[in-house]
């Protein structure tokens, strides 16, 4: 599930920061996390839209 992927990548990013990994590694993890979060909200928006359309399908 997307939420699980976000949590795993967030943990990986936090460890990268704590360990003082190279900036490029931390940056790449951050970009990947941002993309997953954007996809999560996009999916959530679609679900809400589909649900509201179903509520009005009389």
N, C-alpha and C. Protein backbone atom coordinates (compact mmCIF):
# COMPACT_ATOMS: atom_id res chain seq x y z
N UNK A 1 0.84 -1.19 0.00
CA UNK A 1 0.00 0.00 0.00
C UNK A 1 0.88 1.24 0.00
N UNK A 2 0.40 2.29 -0.61
CA UNK A 2 1.17 3.52 -0.77
C UNK A 2 1.57 4.12 0.58
N UNK A 3 0.68 4.04 1.55
CA UNK A 3 0.98 4.58 2.87
C UNK A 3 2.18 3.87 3.50
N UNK A 4 2.26 2.56 3.32
CA UNK A 4 3.39 1.79 3.85
C UNK A 4 4.69 2.19 3.16
N UNK A 5 4.63 2.40 1.85
CA UNK A 5 5.81 2.83 1.11
C UNK A 5 6.30 4.18 1.60
N UNK A 6 5.36 5.07 1.87
CA UNK A 6 5.71 6.40 2.38
C UNK A 6 6.41 6.28 3.72
N UNK A 7 5.88 5.47 4.61
CA UNK A 7 6.48 5.30 5.94
C UNK A 7 7.88 4.72 5.84
N UNK A 8 8.06 3.71 5.00
CA UNK A 8 9.38 3.10 4.83
C UNK A 8 10.39 4.09 4.27
N UNK A 9 9.98 4.84 3.26
CA UNK A 9 10.89 5.80 2.65
C UNK A 9 11.19 6.96 3.60
N UNK A 10 10.21 7.35 4.38
CA UNK A 10 10.44 8.42 5.38
C UNK A 10 11.47 7.97 6.40
N UNK A 11 11.36 6.71 6.85
CA UNK A 11 12.34 6.17 7.80
C UNK A 11 13.73 6.13 7.18
N UNK A 12 13.78 5.72 5.92
CA UNK A 12 15.06 5.66 5.22
C UNK A 12 15.68 7.05 5.09
N UNK A 13 14.84 8.04 4.78
CA UNK A 13 15.31 9.42 4.68
C UNK A 13 15.83 9.91 6.03
N UNK A 14 15.08 9.65 7.09
CA UNK A 14 15.51 10.07 8.42
C UNK A 14 16.85 9.46 8.80
N UNK A 15 17.03 8.17 8.50
CA UNK A 15 18.31 7.51 8.79
C UNK A 15 19.44 8.14 7.98
N UNK A 16 19.15 8.47 6.75
CA UNK A 16 20.15 9.11 5.90
C UNK A 16 20.61 10.43 6.50
N UNK A 17 19.65 11.19 7.00
CA UNK A 17 19.97 12.48 7.62
C UNK A 17 20.77 12.26 8.91
N UNK A 18 20.31 11.34 9.75
CA UNK A 18 20.97 11.07 11.03
C UNK A 18 22.40 10.57 10.83
N UNK A 19 22.62 9.77 9.79
CA UNK A 19 23.95 9.20 9.55
C UNK A 19 24.87 10.15 8.81
N UNK A 20 24.33 11.27 8.38
CA UNK A 20 25.14 12.24 7.66
C UNK A 20 25.55 11.77 6.28
N UNK A 21 24.65 11.00 5.64
CA UNK A 21 24.93 10.53 4.28
C UNK A 21 25.17 11.71 3.34
N UNK A 22 25.78 11.39 2.21
CA UNK A 22 26.04 12.39 1.19
C UNK A 22 24.74 13.12 0.83
N UNK A 23 24.86 14.41 0.57
CA UNK A 23 23.69 15.24 0.28
C UNK A 23 22.89 14.68 -0.90
N UNK A 24 23.57 14.18 -1.91
CA UNK A 24 22.86 13.70 -3.10
C UNK A 24 21.97 12.50 -2.77
N UNK A 25 22.41 11.67 -1.84
CA UNK A 25 21.61 10.51 -1.42
C UNK A 25 20.37 10.99 -0.67
N UNK A 26 20.58 11.88 0.28
CA UNK A 26 19.48 12.42 1.07
C UNK A 26 18.49 13.17 0.18
N UNK A 27 19.02 13.94 -0.74
CA UNK A 27 18.16 14.70 -1.65
C UNK A 27 17.31 13.76 -2.51
N UNK A 28 17.92 12.70 -3.05
CA UNK A 28 17.19 11.76 -3.88
C UNK A 28 16.07 11.09 -3.10
N UNK A 29 16.35 10.70 -1.87
CA UNK A 29 15.32 10.10 -1.02
C UNK A 29 14.19 11.08 -0.76
N UNK A 30 14.55 12.33 -0.55
CA UNK A 30 13.55 13.37 -0.30
C UNK A 30 12.65 13.57 -1.52
N UNK A 31 13.25 13.58 -2.70
CA UNK A 31 12.47 13.74 -3.94
C UNK A 31 11.53 12.55 -4.12
N UNK A 32 12.03 11.35 -3.89
CA UNK A 32 11.19 10.16 -4.01
C UNK A 32 10.03 10.20 -3.02
N UNK A 33 10.31 10.65 -1.80
CA UNK A 33 9.26 10.75 -0.79
C UNK A 33 8.22 11.79 -1.19
N UNK A 34 8.67 12.91 -1.70
CA UNK A 34 7.74 13.95 -2.16
C UNK A 34 6.82 13.41 -3.25
N UNK A 35 7.39 12.63 -4.17
CA UNK A 35 6.59 12.07 -5.26
C UNK A 35 5.53 11.09 -4.73
N UNK A 36 5.92 10.26 -3.77
CA UNK A 36 4.96 9.32 -3.19
C UNK A 36 3.84 10.05 -2.44
N UNK A 37 4.22 11.09 -1.72
CA UNK A 37 3.21 11.86 -0.98
C UNK A 37 2.25 12.54 -1.96
N UNK A 38 2.79 13.09 -3.03
CA UNK A 38 1.93 13.73 -4.04
C UNK A 38 0.98 12.70 -4.65
N UNK A 39 1.48 11.51 -4.93
CA UNK A 39 0.64 10.46 -5.49
C UNK A 39 -0.43 10.04 -4.48
N UNK A 40 -0.07 9.97 -3.21
CA UNK A 40 -1.03 9.62 -2.16
C UNK A 40 -2.20 10.61 -2.16
N UNK A 41 -1.88 11.89 -2.18
CA UNK A 41 -2.94 12.91 -2.15
C UNK A 41 -3.73 12.93 -3.45
N UNK A 42 -3.06 12.66 -4.56
CA UNK A 42 -3.77 12.58 -5.84
C UNK A 42 -4.77 11.42 -5.82
N UNK A 43 -4.33 10.27 -5.31
CA UNK A 43 -5.23 9.12 -5.20
C UNK A 43 -6.38 9.40 -4.25
N UNK A 44 -6.09 10.05 -3.14
CA UNK A 44 -7.11 10.40 -2.16
C UNK A 44 -8.15 11.34 -2.78
N UNK A 45 -7.67 12.29 -3.54
CA UNK A 45 -8.56 13.25 -4.21
C UNK A 45 -9.48 12.52 -5.20
N UNK A 46 -8.90 11.58 -5.95
CA UNK A 46 -9.70 10.81 -6.91
C UNK A 46 -10.75 9.97 -6.20
N UNK A 47 -10.38 9.36 -5.08
CA UNK A 47 -11.34 8.54 -4.33
C UNK A 47 -12.49 9.39 -3.82
N UNK A 48 -12.18 10.57 -3.30
CA UNK A 48 -13.23 11.45 -2.81
C UNK A 48 -14.14 11.90 -3.94
N UNK A 49 -13.54 12.19 -5.10
CA UNK A 49 -14.33 12.63 -6.25
C UNK A 49 -15.24 11.50 -6.71
N UNK A 50 -14.70 10.29 -6.80
CA UNK A 50 -15.51 9.14 -7.22
C UNK A 50 -16.62 8.85 -6.23
N UNK A 51 -16.32 8.99 -4.95
CA UNK A 51 -17.34 8.75 -3.93
C UNK A 51 -18.46 9.78 -4.03
N UNK A 52 -18.08 11.04 -4.21
CA UNK A 52 -19.10 12.08 -4.29
C UNK A 52 -19.93 11.93 -5.57
N UNK A 53 -19.33 11.46 -6.63
CA UNK A 53 -20.08 11.24 -7.87
C UNK A 53 -21.06 10.09 -7.69
N UNK A 54 -20.66 9.09 -6.92
CA UNK A 54 -21.53 7.95 -6.65
C UNK A 54 -22.70 8.34 -5.77
N UNK A 55 -22.49 9.30 -4.89
CA UNK A 55 -23.57 9.76 -4.01
C UNK A 55 -24.67 10.48 -4.77
N UNK A 56 -24.33 11.02 -5.96
CA UNK A 56 -25.30 11.79 -6.73
C UNK A 56 -25.82 11.03 -7.95
N UNK A 57 -25.57 9.75 -8.01
CA UNK A 57 -25.97 8.95 -9.19
C UNK A 57 -27.36 8.35 -8.99
N UNK A 58 -28.35 9.20 -8.93
CA UNK A 58 -29.74 8.73 -8.75
C UNK A 58 -30.41 8.51 -10.07
